[in-house]
Amino acid sequence: MSRLLPDMFRQIRWCGLTRILVTADSLLAEHWPAGIQTRKTVAQAHLESPEPLALQAAMAALMAQLPATAWQRIEIYLTDQHVHLMLLPAIQASGQASALSGSERLTYARAMLLNTYGEPAVQWPLRMQDVLPGHACLLATTPLLPNIALKNLLAPHRYLQLSVQPYASALWAHSRLPDTGTVVSAEPHMLRLLQLQQGEITHVASLVAELSDVESMAAWLLRERTLLGVQATPCYWLGEPACEPVAATGRRLAQHLAGRLACKNLYAAHAITTLWTEVAHVA
C-alpha cells in the first residue's frame, strides 16, 4: 500500500484532477471532482483517425461526458502510437563532443526530425531530455498535436493547468530507473524498450504487438538485446503500482523467458493513471 499513498496525496493536492489517456483508437478519462472524499467519473470516446481534427472532436465528445464545466488540472498522456522517440547523438567537433546553446540544440533537433520524417515535422512540438553538454539526448515529438492544434485542443473549455506528455516519458520520470540495464514497459498494443548504460540512455525501441502474443514479445526482446550486445546486463519489467493488467503481461513474459532471461519487476513511484482496466477492455 505504501506505493499508493503518494498518488492519493497528489489527487488531494490537485482537487479537480482529470487524467486522459489517448490510445490508438480511443480516449479514456478519469475525473475527480473537487474535495477529498470524492468518487471518480470514467468516460470514453472513439478516436476516428490519428489526425489533429479527429483528436479535437474526440476530446470534445469525451469532455461532454464529464460533470465539470471548468477544470483545475488536466493531464493528457499519449501512448506510443502517437509519439516518436529519437536518440540524438552528441555533436562532435574536431573529435571532441561540442556543447550547444539552447537555441542551437533546438535547431539541431528540428533538423534531425526533418531529415527523418520530412516536411510535416516542421509543425511537430518537441521536448528534449535535460542532459549534460556533449551527451546523447532523447527527443520526444507528437505528430498528433502540432503546435496550433495544442492551443485549440480543449477549446472552449476552461482549465487552470494543462500537462501533455508521452505516457512512456511520464512512467520513466516517476520511476527510479537502473543505472545499467534493459527496461521494458507495456502500453495498449505496444511494448517500449529503453536501454541504459551507466545512467545514460543508449537505445529506444518499440514493438507493435498484442500483449497476449507472448512469443512475439519474447523473441523481439531477445533479438534487441542481442543486436545491442547487452545480454549480460539485467532486464526489468516496468509498470505502475497495483496495475494488474500490465503485471499479468509481465508474469507471462517472464515465464516464457524462463531459463533464457530473467526479468526483475520495477515499479513507478505512483500510478500515472488508473485507467488500465478500461484500457484492457478496449484493447
C-alpha atoms as a PDB file:
ATOM      1  CA  MET A   1       0.000   0.000   0.000  1.00  0.00           C
ATOM      2  CA  SER A   2       2.874   2.397   0.658  1.00  0.00           C
ATOM      3  CA  ARG A   3       3.484   2.871  -3.080  1.00  0.00           C
ATOM      4  CA  LEU A   4      -0.087   4.141  -3.498  1.00  0.00           C
ATOM      5  CA  LEU A   5      -0.029   6.809  -0.790  1.00  0.00           C
ATOM      6  CA  PRO A   6       1.890   9.458  -2.802  1.00  0.00           C
ATOM      7  CA  ASP A   7      -0.702   9.218  -5.577  1.00  0.00           C
ATOM      8  CA  MET A   8      -3.565   9.714  -3.118  1.00  0.00           C
ATOM      9  CA  PHE A   9      -1.949  12.879  -1.757  1.00  0.00           C
ATOM     10  CA  ARG A  10      -1.349  14.068  -5.313  1.00  0.00           C
ATOM     11  CA  GLN A  11      -5.062  13.769  -6.082  1.00  0.00           C
ATOM     12  CA  ILE A  12      -5.962  15.717  -2.940  1.00  0.00           C
ATOM     13  CA  ARG A  13      -3.483  18.436  -3.835  1.00  0.00           C
ATOM     14  CA  TRP A  14      -4.986  18.847  -7.300  1.00  0.00           C
ATOM     15  CA  CYS A  15      -8.671  18.889  -6.428  1.00  0.00           C
ATOM     16  CA  GLY A  16     -10.462  18.630  -9.724  1.00  0.00           C
ATOM     17  CA  LEU A  17      -7.825  16.389 -11.312  1.00  0.00           C
ATOM     18  CA  THR A  18      -8.663  14.898 -14.722  1.00  0.00           C
ATOM     19  CA  ARG A  19      -6.423  12.360 -16.454  1.00  0.00           C
ATOM     20  CA  ILE A  20      -6.853  11.449 -20.120  1.00  0.00           C
ATOM     21  CA  LEU A  21      -5.159   8.528 -21.872  1.00  0.00           C
ATOM     22  CA  VAL A  22      -5.002   8.721 -25.686  1.00  0.00           C
ATOM     23  CA  THR A  23      -4.639   5.255 -27.229  1.00  0.00           C
ATOM     24  CA  ALA A  24      -4.523   4.281 -30.917  1.00  0.00           C
ATOM     25  CA  ASP A  25      -8.298   4.430 -31.395  1.00  0.00           C
ATOM     26  CA  SER A  26      -9.848   5.851 -28.239  1.00  0.00           C
ATOM     27  CA  LEU A  27      -9.661   8.422 -25.462  1.00  0.00           C
ATOM     28  CA  LEU A  28     -10.268   7.412 -21.866  1.00  0.00           C
ATOM     29  CA  ALA A  29     -10.662   9.809 -18.954  1.00  0.00           C
ATOM     30  CA  GLU A  30     -10.877   9.659 -15.178  1.00  0.00           C
ATOM     31  CA  HIS A  31     -12.090  12.731 -13.303  1.00  0.00           C
ATOM     32  CA  TRP A  32     -12.024  13.517  -9.580  1.00  0.00           C
ATOM     33  CA  PRO A  33     -14.285  16.452  -8.564  1.00  0.00           C
ATOM     34  CA  ALA A  34     -13.051  18.986  -6.021  1.00  0.00           C
ATOM     35  CA  GLY A  35     -12.928  17.605  -2.483  1.00  0.00           C
ATOM     36  CA  ILE A  36     -11.072  14.899  -0.569  1.00  0.00           C
ATOM     37  CA  GLN A  37     -13.682  12.132  -0.351  1.00  0.00           C
ATOM     38  CA  THR A  38     -14.973  12.155  -3.917  1.00  0.00           C
ATOM     39  CA  ARG A  39     -15.745   9.385  -6.412  1.00  0.00           C
ATOM     40  CA  LYS A  40     -14.200   9.441  -9.831  1.00  0.00           C
ATOM     41  CA  THR A  41     -16.083   9.531 -13.129  1.00  0.00           C
ATOM     42  CA  VAL A  42     -14.784   7.486 -16.077  1.00  0.00           C
ATOM     43  CA  ALA A  43     -15.545   8.405 -19.702  1.00  0.00           C
ATOM     44  CA  GLN A  44     -14.574   7.110 -23.136  1.00  0.00           C
ATOM     45  CA  ALA A  45     -14.671   8.434 -26.715  1.00  0.00           C
ATOM     46  CA  HIS A  46     -13.700   6.898 -30.050  1.00  0.00           C
ATOM     47  CA  LEU A  47     -10.739   8.344 -31.997  1.00  0.00           C
ATOM     48  CA  GLU A  48     -11.545   8.135 -35.696  1.00  0.00           C
ATOM     49  CA  SER A  49      -8.009   8.709 -37.039  1.00  0.00           C
ATOM     50  CA  PRO A  50      -4.540   9.881 -35.953  1.00  0.00           C
ATOM     51  CA  GLU A  51      -5.253  13.437 -37.134  1.00  0.00           C
ATOM     52  CA  PRO A  52      -5.404  16.654 -35.060  1.00  0.00           C
ATOM     53  CA  LEU A  53      -9.022  17.429 -36.043  1.00  0.00           C
ATOM     54  CA  ALA A  54     -10.120  13.899 -35.141  1.00  0.00           C
ATOM     55  CA  LEU A  55      -8.418  14.251 -31.764  1.00  0.00           C
ATOM     56  CA  GLN A  56     -10.135  17.573 -31.115  1.00  0.00           C
ATOM     57  CA  ALA A  57     -13.538  16.070 -31.967  1.00  0.00           C
ATOM     58  CA  ALA A  58     -12.914  13.048 -29.731  1.00  0.00           C
ATOM     59  CA  MET A  59     -11.747  15.324 -26.915  1.00  0.00           C
ATOM     60  CA  ALA A  60     -14.948  17.386 -27.159  1.00  0.00           C
ATOM     61  CA  ALA A  61     -17.057  14.216 -27.008  1.00  0.00           C
ATOM     62  CA  LEU A  62     -15.072  12.993 -24.007  1.00  0.00           C
ATOM     63  CA  MET A  63     -15.284  16.232 -22.022  1.00  0.00           C
ATOM     64  CA  ALA A  64     -19.033  16.419 -22.631  1.00  0.00           C
ATOM     65  CA  GLN A  65     -19.416  13.211 -20.589  1.00  0.00           C
ATOM     66  CA  LEU A  66     -17.683  14.657 -17.506  1.00  0.00           C
ATOM     67  CA  PRO A  67     -19.623  16.538 -14.810  1.00  0.00           C
ATOM     68  CA  ALA A  68     -17.334  19.562 -14.581  1.00  0.00           C
ATOM     69  CA  THR A  69     -17.747  22.823 -16.511  1.00  0.00           C
ATOM     70  CA  ALA A  70     -14.280  24.122 -15.607  1.00  0.00           C
ATOM     71  CA  TRP A  71     -11.157  22.135 -14.785  1.00  0.00           C
ATOM     72  CA  GLN A  72      -8.331  22.820 -12.349  1.00  0.00           C
ATOM     73  CA  ARG A  73      -5.737  20.405 -13.716  1.00  0.00           C
ATOM     74  CA  ILE A  74      -5.854  18.212 -16.816  1.00  0.00           C
ATOM     75  CA  GLU A  75      -3.162  15.623 -17.522  1.00  0.00           C
ATOM     76  CA  ILE A  76      -3.083  14.106 -21.038  1.00  0.00           C
ATOM     77  CA  TYR A  77      -0.944  11.039 -21.721  1.00  0.00           C
ATOM     78  CA  LEU A  78      -0.254   9.920 -25.287  1.00  0.00           C
ATOM     79  CA  THR A  79       0.504   6.244 -25.827  1.00  0.00           C
ATOM     80  CA  ASP A  80       3.294   5.069 -28.075  1.00  0.00           C
ATOM     81  CA  GLN A  81       1.273   5.045 -31.309  1.00  0.00           C
ATOM     82  CA  HIS A  82       1.178   8.870 -31.245  1.00  0.00           C
ATOM     83  CA  VAL A  83       4.766   9.528 -30.168  1.00  0.00           C
ATOM     84  CA  HIS A  84       8.128   9.431 -31.936  1.00  0.00           C
ATOM     85  CA  LEU A  85      11.191   8.991 -29.743  1.00  0.00           C
ATOM     86  CA  MET A  86      14.661   9.656 -31.153  1.00  0.00           C
ATOM     87  CA  LEU A  87      18.072   9.440 -29.574  1.00  0.00           C
ATOM     88  CA  LEU A  88      20.066  12.449 -30.757  1.00  0.00           C
ATOM     89  CA  PRO A  89      23.821  11.749 -30.749  1.00  0.00           C
ATOM     90  CA  ALA A  90      26.142  14.344 -29.295  1.00  0.00           C
ATOM     91  CA  ILE A  91      27.646  16.609 -31.969  1.00  0.00           C
ATOM     92  CA  GLN A  92      31.335  16.009 -32.484  1.00  0.00           C
ATOM     93  CA  ALA A  93      33.623  18.911 -33.412  1.00  0.00           C
ATOM     94  CA  SER A  94      37.291  18.206 -34.136  1.00  0.00           C
ATOM     95  CA  GLY A  95      36.997  14.838 -32.453  1.00  0.00           C
ATOM     96  CA  GLN A  96      35.529  16.306 -29.247  1.00  0.00           C
ATOM     97  CA  ALA A  97      31.915  16.492 -28.071  1.00  0.00           C
ATOM     98  CA  SER A  98      30.602  20.001 -28.661  1.00  0.00           C
ATOM     99  CA  ALA A  99      28.341  21.851 -26.217  1.00  0.00           C
ATOM    100  CA  LEU A 100      25.374  23.602 -27.844  1.00  0.00           C
ATOM    101  CA  SER A 101      23.358  26.566 -26.644  1.00  0.00           C
ATOM    102  CA  GLY A 102      19.606  26.187 -26.076  1.00  0.00           C
ATOM    103  CA  SER A 103      18.672  27.609 -29.494  1.00  0.00           C
ATOM    104  CA  GLU A 104      21.341  25.528 -31.227  1.00  0.00           C
ATOM    105  CA  ARG A 105      20.003  22.358 -29.577  1.00  0.00           C
ATOM    106  CA  LEU A 106      16.502  23.142 -30.846  1.00  0.00           C
ATOM    107  CA  THR A 107      17.812  23.796 -34.354  1.00  0.00           C
ATOM    108  CA  TYR A 108      19.771  20.541 -34.310  1.00  0.00           C
ATOM    109  CA  ALA A 109      16.766  18.580 -33.025  1.00  0.00           C
ATOM    110  CA  ARG A 110      14.438  20.066 -35.642  1.00  0.00           C
ATOM    111  CA  ALA A 111      16.958  19.290 -38.409  1.00  0.00           C
ATOM    112  CA  MET A 112      17.152  15.660 -37.271  1.00  0.00           C
ATOM    113  CA  LEU A 113      13.352  15.406 -37.269  1.00  0.00           C
ATOM    114  CA  LEU A 114      13.109  16.881 -40.770  1.00  0.00           C
ATOM    115  CA  ASN A 115      15.798  14.555 -42.045  1.00  0.00           C
ATOM    116  CA  THR A 116      13.942  11.531 -40.620  1.00  0.00           C
ATOM    117  CA  TYR A 117      10.270  12.373 -41.145  1.00  0.00           C
ATOM    118  CA  GLY A 118      10.246  15.079 -43.811  1.00  0.00           C
ATOM    119  CA  GLU A 119       8.463  18.430 -44.068  1.00  0.00           C
ATOM    120  CA  PRO A 120       5.448  17.586 -41.824  1.00  0.00           C
ATOM    121  CA  ALA A 121       7.833  17.504 -38.842  1.00  0.00           C
ATOM    122  CA  VAL A 122       8.160  21.304 -39.036  1.00  0.00           C
ATOM    123  CA  GLN A 123       4.911  21.649 -37.051  1.00  0.00           C
ATOM    124  CA  TRP A 124       5.501  18.887 -34.517  1.00  0.00           C
ATOM    125  CA  PRO A 125       6.099  20.046 -30.930  1.00  0.00           C
ATOM    126  CA  LEU A 126       9.217  18.532 -29.422  1.00  0.00           C
ATOM    127  CA  ARG A 127      10.690  18.017 -25.994  1.00  0.00           C
ATOM    128  CA  MET A 128      14.291  17.109 -25.232  1.00  0.00           C
ATOM    129  CA  GLN A 129      15.909  15.343 -22.325  1.00  0.00           C
ATOM    130  CA  ASP A 130      17.894  17.575 -19.992  1.00  0.00           C
ATOM    131  CA  VAL A 131      21.441  16.203 -20.256  1.00  0.00           C
ATOM    132  CA  LEU A 132      24.975  17.448 -19.763  1.00  0.00           C
ATOM    133  CA  PRO A 133      26.649  19.095 -22.789  1.00  0.00           C
ATOM    134  CA  GLY A 134      28.286  16.626 -25.143  1.00  0.00           C
ATOM    135  CA  HIS A 135      25.952  13.726 -24.272  1.00  0.00           C
ATOM    136  CA  ALA A 136      23.332  11.955 -26.375  1.00  0.00           C
ATOM    137  CA  CYS A 137      19.849  13.347 -25.848  1.00  0.00           C
ATOM    138  CA  LEU A 138      16.409  11.726 -26.010  1.00  0.00           C
ATOM    139  CA  LEU A 139      13.857  13.655 -28.080  1.00  0.00           C
ATOM    140  CA  ALA A 140      10.083  13.138 -27.988  1.00  0.00           C
ATOM    141  CA  THR A 141       7.671  14.557 -30.560  1.00  0.00           C
ATOM    142  CA  THR A 142       3.915  14.141 -31.071  1.00  0.00           C
ATOM    143  CA  PRO A 143       2.658  14.338 -34.696  1.00  0.00           C
ATOM    144  CA  LEU A 144      -0.924  14.103 -33.408  1.00  0.00           C
ATOM    145  CA  LEU A 145      -0.535  17.503 -31.753  1.00  0.00           C
ATOM    146  CA  PRO A 146       1.003  20.141 -33.999  1.00  0.00           C
ATOM    147  CA  ASN A 147       1.672  23.420 -32.188  1.00  0.00           C
ATOM    148  CA  ILE A 148      -1.523  25.034 -33.472  1.00  0.00           C
ATOM    149  CA  ALA A 149      -3.680  22.019 -32.535  1.00  0.00           C
ATOM    150  CA  LEU A 150      -2.407  22.004 -28.956  1.00  0.00           C
ATOM    151  CA  LYS A 151      -3.744  25.535 -28.410  1.00  0.00           C
ATOM    152  CA  ASN A 152      -7.219  24.560 -29.621  1.00  0.00           C
ATOM    153  CA  LEU A 153      -7.377  21.031 -28.218  1.00  0.00           C
ATOM    154  CA  LEU A 154      -9.635  21.804 -25.261  1.00  0.00           C
ATOM    155  CA  ALA A 155     -11.380  24.914 -26.575  1.00  0.00           C
ATOM    156  CA  PRO A 156     -13.743  26.292 -25.370  1.00  0.00           C
ATOM    157  CA  HIS A 157     -13.301  24.508 -22.021  1.00  0.00           C
ATOM    158  CA  ARG A 158     -11.606  26.427 -19.208  1.00  0.00           C
ATOM    159  CA  TYR A 159      -8.772  24.972 -17.154  1.00  0.00           C
ATOM    160  CA  LEU A 160      -6.080  26.262 -14.809  1.00  0.00           C
ATOM    161  CA  GLN A 161      -3.286  23.830 -15.663  1.00  0.00           C
ATOM    162  CA  LEU A 162      -2.655  21.509 -18.615  1.00  0.00           C
ATOM    163  CA  SER A 163       0.034  18.856 -18.979  1.00  0.00           C
ATOM    164  CA  VAL A 164       0.527  16.888 -22.229  1.00  0.00           C
ATOM    165  CA  GLN A 165       3.247  14.238 -22.441  1.00  0.00           C
ATOM    166  CA  PRO A 166       4.016  10.747 -23.737  1.00  0.00           C
ATOM    167  CA  TYR A 167       2.864   8.029 -21.382  1.00  0.00           C
ATOM    168  CA  ALA A 168       6.267   6.310 -21.533  1.00  0.00           C
ATOM    169  CA  SER A 169       8.108   9.523 -20.614  1.00  0.00           C
ATOM    170  CA  ALA A 170       5.817  10.075 -17.624  1.00  0.00           C
ATOM    171  CA  LEU A 171       6.354   6.489 -16.479  1.00  0.00           C
ATOM    172  CA  TRP A 172      10.148   6.816 -16.718  1.00  0.00           C
ATOM    173  CA  ALA A 173      10.129  10.203 -14.978  1.00  0.00           C
ATOM    174  CA  HIS A 174       8.263   8.749 -11.981  1.00  0.00           C
ATOM    175  CA  SER A 175      10.485   5.661 -11.714  1.00  0.00           C
ATOM    176  CA  ARG A 176      13.885   5.063 -10.187  1.00  0.00           C
ATOM    177  CA  LEU A 177      15.465   3.613 -13.309  1.00  0.00           C
ATOM    178  CA  PRO A 178      18.533   1.373 -13.010  1.00  0.00           C
ATOM    179  CA  ASP A 179      21.967   2.729 -13.825  1.00  0.00           C
ATOM    180  CA  THR A 180      22.504  -0.039 -16.404  1.00  0.00           C
ATOM    181  CA  GLY A 181      20.066  -2.480 -17.958  1.00  0.00           C
ATOM    182  CA  THR A 182      17.096  -3.009 -20.278  1.00  0.00           C
ATOM    183  CA  VAL A 183      13.786  -1.502 -19.166  1.00  0.00           C
ATOM    184  CA  VAL A 184      10.620  -2.799 -20.866  1.00  0.00           C
ATOM    185  CA  SER A 185       7.185  -1.235 -20.366  1.00  0.00           C
ATOM    186  CA  ALA A 186       3.761  -2.018 -21.837  1.00  0.00           C
ATOM    187  CA  GLU A 187       1.157   0.203 -23.457  1.00  0.00           C
ATOM    188  CA  PRO A 188      -2.028  -0.745 -25.337  1.00  0.00           C
ATOM    189  CA  HIS A 189      -0.907  -2.877 -28.298  1.00  0.00           C
ATOM    190  CA  MET A 190       2.741  -1.820 -27.732  1.00  0.00           C
ATOM    191  CA  LEU A 191       5.962  -2.621 -25.929  1.00  0.00           C
ATOM    192  CA  ARG A 192       8.585   0.058 -25.298  1.00  0.00           C
ATOM    193  CA  LEU A 193      12.265  -0.728 -24.673  1.00  0.00           C
ATOM    194  CA  LEU A 194      14.775   1.595 -23.043  1.00  0.00           C
ATOM    195  CA  GLN A 195      18.457   0.615 -22.806  1.00  0.00           C
ATOM    196  CA  LEU A 196      20.580   2.310 -20.139  1.00  0.00           C
ATOM    197  CA  GLN A 197      24.345   2.277 -19.699  1.00  0.00           C
ATOM    198  CA  GLN A 198      25.953   3.969 -16.699  1.00  0.00           C
ATOM    199  CA  GLY A 199      22.995   6.297 -16.287  1.00  0.00           C
ATOM    200  CA  GLU A 200      22.702   7.277 -19.962  1.00  0.00           C
ATOM    201  CA  ILE A 201      20.055   6.227 -22.494  1.00  0.00           C
ATOM    202  CA  THR A 202      21.784   4.382 -25.337  1.00  0.00           C
ATOM    203  CA  HIS A 203      18.799   2.948 -27.256  1.00  0.00           C
ATOM    204  CA  VAL A 204      14.994   3.187 -27.527  1.00  0.00           C
ATOM    205  CA  ALA A 205      12.754   0.839 -29.489  1.00  0.00           C
ATOM    206  CA  SER A 206       9.084  -0.113 -29.816  1.00  0.00           C
ATOM    207  CA  LEU A 207       7.166  -3.209 -30.847  1.00  0.00           C
ATOM    208  CA  VAL A 208       3.590  -3.193 -32.168  1.00  0.00           C
ATOM    209  CA  ALA A 209       2.013  -6.354 -30.794  1.00  0.00           C
ATOM    210  CA  GLU A 210      -0.951  -7.652 -28.851  1.00  0.00           C
ATOM    211  CA  LEU A 211       0.034  -8.058 -25.219  1.00  0.00           C
ATOM    212  CA  SER A 212      -1.300 -11.616 -25.343  1.00  0.00           C
ATOM    213  CA  ASP A 213       1.278 -12.568 -28.005  1.00  0.00           C
ATOM    214  CA  VAL A 214       3.984 -13.512 -25.533  1.00  0.00           C
ATOM    215  CA  GLU A 215       6.052 -15.474 -28.066  1.00  0.00           C
ATOM    216  CA  SER A 216       6.485 -12.446 -30.373  1.00  0.00           C
ATOM    217  CA  MET A 217       7.308 -10.153 -27.449  1.00  0.00           C
ATOM    218  CA  ALA A 218       9.904 -12.543 -26.076  1.00  0.00           C
ATOM    219  CA  ALA A 219      11.558 -13.032 -29.494  1.00  0.00           C
ATOM    220  CA  TRP A 220      11.701  -9.251 -30.039  1.00  0.00           C
ATOM    221  CA  LEU A 221      13.207  -8.592 -26.610  1.00  0.00           C
ATOM    222  CA  LEU A 222      15.897 -11.257 -27.042  1.00  0.00           C
ATOM    223  CA  ARG A 223      16.689 -10.005 -30.563  1.00  0.00           C
ATOM    224  CA  GLU A 224      17.022  -6.373 -29.461  1.00  0.00           C
ATOM    225  CA  ARG A 225      19.347  -7.290 -26.610  1.00  0.00           C
ATOM    226  CA  THR A 226      21.444  -9.484 -28.908  1.00  0.00           C
ATOM    227  CA  LEU A 227      21.777  -6.750 -31.555  1.00  0.00           C
ATOM    228  CA  LEU A 228      22.820  -4.282 -28.858  1.00  0.00           C
ATOM    229  CA  GLY A 229      25.252  -6.771 -27.336  1.00  0.00           C
ATOM    230  CA  VAL A 230      23.805  -6.275 -23.846  1.00  0.00           C
ATOM    231  CA  GLN A 231      22.956  -9.894 -22.974  1.00  0.00           C
ATOM    232  CA  ALA A 232      24.996  -9.610 -19.764  1.00  0.00           C
ATOM    233  CA  THR A 233      23.020  -6.627 -18.458  1.00  0.00           C
ATOM    234  CA  PRO A 234      19.898  -7.106 -16.300  1.00  0.00           C
ATOM    235  CA  CYS A 235      16.360  -6.748 -17.673  1.00  0.00           C
ATOM    236  CA  TYR A 236      13.475  -5.015 -15.899  1.00  0.00           C
ATOM    237  CA  TRP A 237       9.707  -5.080 -16.405  1.00  0.00           C
ATOM    238  CA  LEU A 238       8.410  -1.609 -15.530  1.00  0.00           C
ATOM    239  CA  GLY A 239       4.834  -0.904 -14.512  1.00  0.00           C
ATOM    240  CA  GLU A 240       2.629   1.213 -12.326  1.00  0.00           C
ATOM    241  CA  PRO A 241       1.882   0.021  -8.786  1.00  0.00           C
ATOM    242  CA  ALA A 242      -1.287  -2.061  -8.423  1.00  0.00           C
ATOM    243  CA  CYS A 243      -1.700  -2.244 -12.220  1.00  0.00           C
ATOM    244  CA  GLU A 244      -2.795  -5.862 -12.641  1.00  0.00           C
ATOM    245  CA  PRO A 245      -3.222  -5.999 -16.472  1.00  0.00           C
ATOM    246  CA  VAL A 246       0.390  -4.903 -17.040  1.00  0.00           C
ATOM    247  CA  ALA A 247       1.680  -7.033 -14.150  1.00  0.00           C
ATOM    248  CA  ALA A 248      -0.033 -10.090 -15.629  1.00  0.00           C
ATOM    249  CA  THR A 249       1.630  -9.472 -19.006  1.00  0.00           C
ATOM    250  CA  GLY A 250       4.993  -9.197 -17.259  1.00  0.00           C
ATOM    251  CA  ARG A 251       4.449 -12.504 -15.478  1.00  0.00           C
ATOM    252  CA  ARG A 252       3.538 -14.293 -18.721  1.00  0.00           C
ATOM    253  CA  LEU A 253       6.603 -12.847 -20.452  1.00  0.00           C
ATOM    254  CA  ALA A 254       8.901 -13.849 -17.568  1.00  0.00           C
ATOM    255  CA  GLN A 255       7.518 -17.397 -17.603  1.00  0.00           C
ATOM    256  CA  HIS A 256       8.050 -17.664 -21.365  1.00  0.00           C
ATOM    257  CA  LEU A 257      11.651 -16.437 -20.990  1.00  0.00           C
ATOM    258  CA  ALA A 258      12.462 -18.697 -18.051  1.00  0.00           C
ATOM    259  CA  GLY A 259      15.925 -20.215 -18.484  1.00  0.00           C
ATOM    260  CA  ARG A 260      16.920 -17.672 -21.165  1.00  0.00           C
ATOM    261  CA  LEU A 261      16.410 -14.296 -19.499  1.00  0.00           C
ATOM    262  CA  ALA A 262      15.364 -13.254 -16.005  1.00  0.00           C
ATOM    263  CA  CYS A 263      13.233 -10.106 -15.763  1.00  0.00           C
ATOM    264  CA  LYS A 264      13.074  -8.206 -12.490  1.00  0.00           C
ATOM    265  CA  ASN A 265       9.996  -6.175 -11.580  1.00  0.00           C
ATOM    266  CA  LEU A 266      10.331  -2.402 -11.356  1.00  0.00           C
ATOM    267  CA  TYR A 267       7.561  -0.069 -10.223  1.00  0.00           C
ATOM    268  CA  ALA A 268       6.889   3.632 -10.705  1.00  0.00           C
ATOM    269  CA  ALA A 269       6.707   5.698  -7.519  1.00  0.00           C
ATOM    270  CA  HIS A 270       2.965   6.180  -8.027  1.00  0.00           C
ATOM    271  CA  ALA A 271       0.241   5.458 -10.556  1.00  0.00           C
ATOM    272  CA  ILE A 272       0.321   7.563 -13.710  1.00  0.00           C
ATOM    273  CA  THR A 273      -3.298   6.611 -14.394  1.00  0.00           C
ATOM    274  CA  THR A 274      -5.741   4.055 -13.026  1.00  0.00           C
ATOM    275  CA  LEU A 275      -7.372   3.541 -16.427  1.00  0.00           C
ATOM    276  CA  TRP A 276      -5.613   0.286 -17.238  1.00  0.00           C
ATOM    277  CA  THR A 277      -8.700  -1.841 -16.503  1.00  0.00           C
ATOM    278  CA  GLU A 278     -10.654   0.204 -19.048  1.00  0.00           C
ATOM    279  CA  VAL A 279      -7.723   0.037 -21.478  1.00  0.00           C
ATOM    280  CA  ALA A 280      -7.646  -3.747 -21.194  1.00  0.00           C
ATOM    281  CA  HIS A 281     -11.312  -3.829 -22.205  1.00  0.00           C
ATOM    282  CA  VAL A 282     -10.667  -1.504 -25.155  1.00  0.00           C
ATOM    283  CA  ALA A 283      -7.627  -3.462 -26.302  1.00  0.00           C
END
